[in-house]
């Protein structure tokens, strides 16, 4: 049996176990099925994404981070942190310029979304080669 086959079988078992646990915790059957489908799609996509170095001979642990993929992840994290910091500074300056005593919590949610988008956009840009 090939190494990637072990990887796919193990990830299918993991997805089924977590989906069953999700169902046992009170989720509807369709939510557990949707979670199972999303997990299986992710595990199928992961070796093809370029986010990991794939070593089929390692079987269950076929996906590893090598120096290049770890460097890309580090740079993407740095870029997201910079974008988030600059946006937070701009938000504080704007809040002070309109003399607001309180900052709405919804603005912080938007900052979090901005940070996630900046991370994944930077990650995709750095992996394009």
Protein backbone atom coordinates (compact mmCIF):
# COMPACT_ATOMS: atom_id res chain seq x y z
CA UNK A 1 0.00 0.00 0.00
CA UNK A 2 1.41 3.39 -0.96
CA UNK A 3 2.28 6.05 1.59
CA UNK A 4 -0.31 8.52 0.37
CA UNK A 5 -2.98 5.84 0.67
CA UNK A 6 -2.11 5.55 4.39
CA UNK A 7 -2.38 9.33 4.63
CA UNK A 8 -5.83 9.41 3.03
CA UNK A 9 -7.15 6.49 5.10
CA UNK A 10 -5.89 8.04 8.34
CA UNK A 11 -7.38 11.43 7.52
CA UNK A 12 -10.71 9.84 6.63
CA UNK A 13 -10.75 8.11 10.02
CA UNK A 14 -9.90 11.40 11.75
CA UNK A 15 -12.67 13.22 9.87
CA UNK A 16 -15.23 10.53 10.71
CA UNK A 17 -14.26 10.50 14.40
CA UNK A 18 -14.52 14.28 14.72
CA UNK A 19 -17.77 14.34 12.79
CA UNK A 20 -19.21 11.66 15.10
CA UNK A 21 -18.06 13.63 18.14
CA UNK A 22 -19.69 16.73 16.66
CA UNK A 23 -22.92 14.72 16.26
CA UNK A 24 -22.72 13.35 19.82
CA UNK A 25 -22.33 16.88 21.20
CA UNK A 26 -25.78 17.74 19.89
CA UNK A 27 -25.25 18.95 16.34
CA UNK A 28 -27.82 18.08 13.71
CA UNK A 29 -26.98 15.19 11.39
CA UNK A 30 -26.66 17.52 8.42
CA UNK A 31 -24.19 19.72 10.29
CA UNK A 32 -22.05 16.69 11.15
CA UNK A 33 -22.26 15.56 7.50
CA UNK A 34 -21.28 19.04 6.31
CA UNK A 35 -18.34 19.04 8.75
CA UNK A 36 -17.28 15.60 7.47
CA UNK A 37 -17.44 16.76 3.86
CA UNK A 38 -15.47 19.95 4.61
CA UNK A 39 -12.80 17.98 6.51
CA UNK A 40 -12.46 15.41 3.72
CA UNK A 41 -12.17 18.15 1.10
CA UNK A 42 -9.52 19.91 3.17
CA UNK A 43 -7.50 16.71 3.64
CA UNK A 44 -7.75 16.03 -0.09
CA UNK A 45 -6.69 19.61 -0.96
CA UNK A 46 -3.82 19.91 1.55
CA UNK A 47 -1.21 17.80 -0.33
CA UNK A 48 -1.94 19.72 -3.54
CA UNK A 49 -1.97 23.19 -2.00
CA UNK A 50 1.76 23.86 -1.92
CA UNK A 51 1.54 24.63 1.80
CA UNK A 52 3.38 21.44 2.69
CA UNK A 53 6.18 19.32 1.35
CA UNK A 54 4.71 15.91 0.48
CA UNK A 55 6.73 12.79 1.37
CA UNK A 56 4.59 9.78 0.33
CA UNK A 57 7.10 7.34 1.82
CA UNK A 58 6.23 8.64 5.32
CA UNK A 59 2.68 7.31 5.12
CA UNK A 60 0.41 8.83 7.77
CA UNK A 61 2.78 11.77 8.28
CA UNK A 62 3.20 12.47 4.56
CA UNK A 63 2.74 16.23 4.93
CA UNK A 64 5.66 18.09 6.44
CA UNK A 65 6.84 21.66 6.44
CA UNK A 66 10.23 22.14 4.88
CA UNK A 67 12.34 25.30 5.14
CA UNK A 68 10.64 26.97 2.18
CA UNK A 69 7.06 26.35 3.32
CA UNK A 70 7.90 27.37 6.89
CA UNK A 71 9.57 30.55 5.61
CA UNK A 72 6.50 31.42 3.53
CA UNK A 73 4.23 30.88 6.54
CA UNK A 74 6.50 33.05 8.70
CA UNK A 75 6.55 35.88 6.14
CA UNK A 76 2.78 35.70 5.69
CA UNK A 77 2.31 35.90 9.46
CA UNK A 78 4.65 38.89 9.62
CA UNK A 79 2.80 40.65 6.81
CA UNK A 80 -0.56 40.01 8.48
CA UNK A 81 0.77 41.36 11.79
CA UNK A 82 2.02 44.52 10.07
CA UNK A 83 -1.32 45.04 8.28
CA UNK A 84 -3.23 44.47 11.51
CA UNK A 85 -1.00 46.84 13.47
CA UNK A 86 -1.27 49.61 10.90
CA UNK A 87 -5.04 49.19 10.70
CA UNK A 88 -5.33 49.28 14.51
CA UNK A 89 -3.26 52.46 14.67
CA UNK A 90 -5.42 54.03 11.96
CA UNK A 91 -8.54 52.99 13.86
CA UNK A 92 -7.29 54.51 17.11
CA UNK A 93 -6.28 57.74 15.34
CA UNK A 94 -9.68 57.95 13.63
CA UNK A 95 -11.45 57.27 16.91
CA UNK A 96 -9.50 60.05 18.60
CA UNK A 97 -10.04 62.46 15.71
CA UNK A 98 -13.81 62.19 16.02
CA UNK A 99 -13.41 62.41 19.81
CA UNK A 100 -15.12 59.10 20.42
CA UNK A 101 -14.96 57.94 24.01
CA UNK A 102 -15.64 54.32 23.14
CA UNK A 103 -14.71 52.22 20.16
CA UNK A 104 -17.42 49.88 18.90
CA UNK A 105 -16.57 46.21 19.34
CA UNK A 106 -17.69 45.56 15.77
CA UNK A 107 -14.64 47.52 14.58
CA UNK A 108 -12.39 45.02 16.37
CA UNK A 109 -14.15 42.19 14.55
CA UNK A 110 -13.35 43.89 11.27
CA UNK A 111 -9.71 44.15 12.35
CA UNK A 112 -9.61 40.42 12.99
CA UNK A 113 -11.12 39.70 9.57
CA UNK A 114 -8.57 42.04 7.98
CA UNK A 115 -5.72 40.17 9.67
CA UNK A 116 -6.97 36.79 8.43
CA UNK A 117 -7.43 38.09 4.89
CA UNK A 118 -3.98 39.70 4.94
CA UNK A 119 -2.42 36.42 6.09
CA UNK A 120 -4.03 34.27 3.39
CA UNK A 121 -3.54 36.85 0.64
CA UNK A 122 0.13 37.18 1.54
CA UNK A 123 0.46 33.40 1.77
CA UNK A 124 -1.04 32.93 -1.70
CA UNK A 125 1.12 35.70 -3.15
CA UNK A 126 4.33 34.23 -1.70
CA UNK A 127 3.48 30.69 -2.88
CA UNK A 128 2.63 31.71 -6.44
CA UNK A 129 6.04 30.61 -7.75
